[in-house]
C-alpha atoms as a PDB file:
ATOM      1  CA  MET A   1      88.708  35.602  -1.273  1.00  0.00           C
ATOM      2  CA  PHE A   2      86.756  35.828   2.125  1.00  0.00           C
ATOM      3  CA  ALA A   3      86.087  39.604   1.648  1.00  0.00           C
ATOM      4  CA  PHE A   4      84.700  39.059  -1.992  1.00  0.00           C
ATOM      5  CA  ASP A   5      82.214  35.965  -0.899  1.00  0.00           C
ATOM      6  CA  ARG A   6      81.147  37.604   1.995  1.00  0.00           C
ATOM      7  CA  GLY A   7      80.131  40.984   0.196  1.00  0.00           C
ATOM      8  CA  MET A   8      78.469  38.905  -2.705  1.00  0.00           C
ATOM      9  CA  ALA A   9      76.585  37.073  -0.081  1.00  0.00           C
ATOM     10  CA  CYS A  10      75.288  40.674   1.181  1.00  0.00           C
ATOM     11  CA  GLY A  11      74.262  41.372  -2.458  1.00  0.00           C
ATOM     12  CA  LEU A  12      76.945  43.791  -2.850  1.00  0.00           C
ATOM     13  CA  PRO A  13      78.499  44.610  -6.510  1.00  0.00           C
ATOM     14  CA  MET A  14      82.042  43.821  -6.722  1.00  0.00           C
ATOM     15  CA  ILE A  15      84.113  46.488  -8.480  1.00  0.00           C
ATOM     16  CA  VAL A  16      87.346  44.383  -9.066  1.00  0.00           C
ATOM     17  CA  PRO A  17      90.595  44.559 -11.283  1.00  0.00           C
ATOM     18  CA  ARG A  18      90.333  42.443 -14.399  1.00  0.00           C
ATOM     19  CA  ASN A  19      93.870  41.128 -14.301  1.00  0.00           C
ATOM     20  CA  THR A  20      94.100  39.601 -10.861  1.00  0.00           C
ATOM     21  CA  SER A  21      92.878  36.157  -9.787  1.00  0.00           C
ATOM     22  CA  ILE A  22      89.818  37.879  -8.338  1.00  0.00           C
ATOM     23  CA  PRO A  23      87.601  37.053 -11.415  1.00  0.00           C
ATOM     24  CA  GLU A  24      88.099  33.254 -10.838  1.00  0.00           C
ATOM     25  CA  VAL A  25      86.105  33.911  -7.551  1.00  0.00           C
ATOM     26  CA  VAL A  26      83.858  36.596  -8.632  1.00  0.00           C
ATOM     27  CA  GLY A  27      82.868  35.443 -11.910  1.00  0.00           C
ATOM     28  CA  ASP A  28      80.413  37.281 -13.926  1.00  0.00           C
ATOM     29  CA  ALA A  29      79.322  39.040 -11.114  1.00  0.00           C
ATOM     30  CA  GLY A  30      82.436  41.478 -11.107  1.00  0.00           C
ATOM     31  CA  TYR A  31      82.253  45.080 -12.525  1.00  0.00           C
ATOM     32  CA  TYR A  32      85.775  44.789 -13.992  1.00  0.00           C
ATOM     33  CA  ILE A  33      88.100  47.985 -14.214  1.00  0.00           C
ATOM     34  CA  GLU A  34      91.668  47.773 -15.929  1.00  0.00           C
ATOM     35  CA  THR A  35      94.882  48.392 -13.783  1.00  0.00           C
ATOM     36  CA  ASP A  36      97.210  50.882 -15.298  1.00  0.00           C
ATOM     37  CA  HIS A  37      99.583  51.445 -12.685  1.00  0.00           C
ATOM     38  CA  HIS A  38     102.613  49.324 -11.233  1.00  0.00           C
ATOM     39  CA  MET A  39     103.898  49.323  -7.711  1.00  0.00           C
ATOM     40  CA  ILE A  40     106.910  47.685  -6.596  1.00  0.00           C
ATOM     41  CA  PHE A  41     107.031  46.119  -3.174  1.00  0.00           C
ATOM     42  CA  PRO A  42     110.535  44.630  -1.878  1.00  0.00           C
ATOM     43  CA  ASN A  43     110.123  41.173  -1.012  1.00  0.00           C
ATOM     44  CA  ARG A  44     113.356  39.582   0.234  1.00  0.00           C
ATOM     45  CA  ASP A  45     115.323  38.423  -2.799  1.00  0.00           C
ATOM     46  CA  ARG A  46     113.145  39.682  -5.564  1.00  0.00           C
ATOM     47  CA  GLU A  47     110.709  42.449  -5.894  1.00  0.00           C
ATOM     48  CA  LEU A  48     107.158  41.761  -6.098  1.00  0.00           C
ATOM     49  CA  ILE A  49     105.404  43.995  -8.765  1.00  0.00           C
ATOM     50  CA  ARG A  50     101.394  44.271  -8.434  1.00  0.00           C
ATOM     51  CA  GLN A  51      99.115  46.251 -10.622  1.00  0.00           C
ATOM     52  CA  ILE A  52      96.588  48.442  -8.788  1.00  0.00           C
ATOM     53  CA  PRO A  53      93.430  49.759 -10.373  1.00  0.00           C
ATOM     54  CA  SER A  54      93.387  53.062 -11.853  1.00  0.00           C
ATOM     55  CA  MET A  55      91.503  55.566  -9.376  1.00  0.00           C
ATOM     56  CA  THR A  56      89.880  57.253 -12.444  1.00  0.00           C
ATOM     57  CA  GLN A  57      88.065  53.664 -13.249  1.00  0.00           C
ATOM     58  CA  THR A  58      87.375  53.075  -9.637  1.00  0.00           C
ATOM     59  CA  VAL A  59      85.720  56.547  -9.276  1.00  0.00           C
ATOM     60  CA  LYS A  60      83.724  56.223 -12.632  1.00  0.00           C
ATOM     61  CA  ALA A  61      82.705  52.404 -11.474  1.00  0.00           C
ATOM     62  CA  LEU A  62      81.624  53.842  -7.972  1.00  0.00           C
ATOM     63  CA  ASN A  63      79.698  56.960  -9.662  1.00  0.00           C
ATOM     64  CA  GLU A  64      77.787  54.487 -12.063  1.00  0.00           C
ATOM     65  CA  PHE A  65      76.788  52.319  -9.366  1.00  0.00           C
ATOM     66  CA  TYR A  66      75.634  55.127  -7.109  1.00  0.00           C
ATOM     67  CA  TYR A  67      73.437  56.713  -9.698  1.00  0.00           C
ATOM     68  CA  ASN A  68      72.186  53.645 -11.660  1.00  0.00           C
ATOM     69  CA  THR A  69      69.490  51.947  -9.701  1.00  0.00           C
ATOM     70  CA  GLU A  70      68.940  49.479 -12.480  1.00  0.00           C
ATOM     71  CA  LEU A  71      72.770  48.586 -12.463  1.00  0.00           C
ATOM     72  CA  ARG A  72      72.878  47.945  -8.734  1.00  0.00           C
ATOM     73  CA  LYS A  73      69.805  45.600  -8.904  1.00  0.00           C
ATOM     74  CA  GLU A  74      71.600  43.727 -11.864  1.00  0.00           C
ATOM     75  CA  TYR A  75      74.827  43.335 -10.130  1.00  0.00           C
ATOM     76  CA  ARG A  76      73.308  42.478  -6.862  1.00  0.00           C
ATOM     77  CA  ALA A  77      71.356  39.720  -8.523  1.00  0.00           C
ATOM     78  CA  LYS A  78      74.492  38.414 -10.235  1.00  0.00           C
ATOM     79  CA  SER A  79      76.325  38.632  -6.869  1.00  0.00           C
ATOM     80  CA  LEU A  80      73.551  36.501  -5.181  1.00  0.00           C
ATOM     81  CA  ASN A  81      73.702  34.064  -7.989  1.00  0.00           C
ATOM     82  CA  ARG A  82      77.550  33.914  -7.786  1.00  0.00           C
ATOM     83  CA  ILE A  83      77.580  33.175  -4.153  1.00  0.00           C
ATOM     84  CA  ARG A  84      74.884  30.345  -4.545  1.00  0.00           C
ATOM     85  CA  GLU A  85      77.136  28.366  -7.274  1.00  0.00           C
ATOM     86  CA  ILE A  86      80.173  29.032  -5.048  1.00  0.00           C
ATOM     87  CA  THR A  87      78.301  27.501  -2.173  1.00  0.00           C
ATOM     88  CA  GLU A  88      76.839  24.386  -4.063  1.00  0.00           C
ATOM     89  CA  LYS A  89      79.922  23.443  -5.213  1.00  0.00           C
ATOM     90  CA  THR A  90      81.734  23.526  -1.805  1.00  0.00           C
ATOM     91  CA  LYS A  91      78.893  21.744  -0.414  1.00  0.00           C
ATOM     92  CA  LEU A  92      79.408  18.972  -3.080  1.00  0.00           C
ATOM     93  CA  PHE A  93      83.156  19.106  -2.454  1.00  0.00           C
ATOM     94  CA  ASN A  94      82.545  18.624   1.192  1.00  0.00           C
ATOM     95  CA  TRP A  95      80.413  15.462   0.548  1.00  0.00           C
ATOM     96  CA  ILE A  96      82.962  13.985  -1.682  1.00  0.00           C
ATOM     97  CA  ILE A  97      85.628  14.310   0.799  1.00  0.00           C
ATOM     98  CA  LEU A  98      83.125  12.947   3.374  1.00  0.00           C
ATOM     99  CA  LEU A  99      82.721   9.846   1.373  1.00  0.00           C
ATOM    100  CA  ILE A 100      86.116   9.178   0.400  1.00  0.00           C
ATOM    101  CA  ILE A 101      87.101   9.201   3.916  1.00  0.00           C
ATOM    102  CA  LEU A 102      83.983   6.855   4.953  1.00  0.00           C
ATOM    103  CA  ILE A 103      85.133   4.423   2.189  1.00  0.00           C
ATOM    104  CA  ARG A 104      88.543   4.251   3.475  1.00  0.00           C
ATOM    105  CA  ASN A 105      87.447   3.767   6.862  1.00  0.00           C
ATOM    106  CA  LEU A 106      85.640   0.596   5.831  1.00  0.00           C
END
């Protein structure tokens, strides 16, 4: 998650695969691409299958952002708005935890 939130805080557009857990973090700030390849990684007792983004779609998305200034501006704003949402939720959560700790210690 940290790479995505730092990128969004800088106003960078996020080009991300759709069928991972990344959309939960990136939200509507993500420019989504499909995955169409599978890689199998040996993992002790079982094999872990991961889907990787299509190289064609990745290059296409990069080209769209490179040549389309309006698209860059739109996704820059979306990234900054999304990181503000995440930051506000985190602040609220931290205050709630602090209040719970204080109440328990009374």
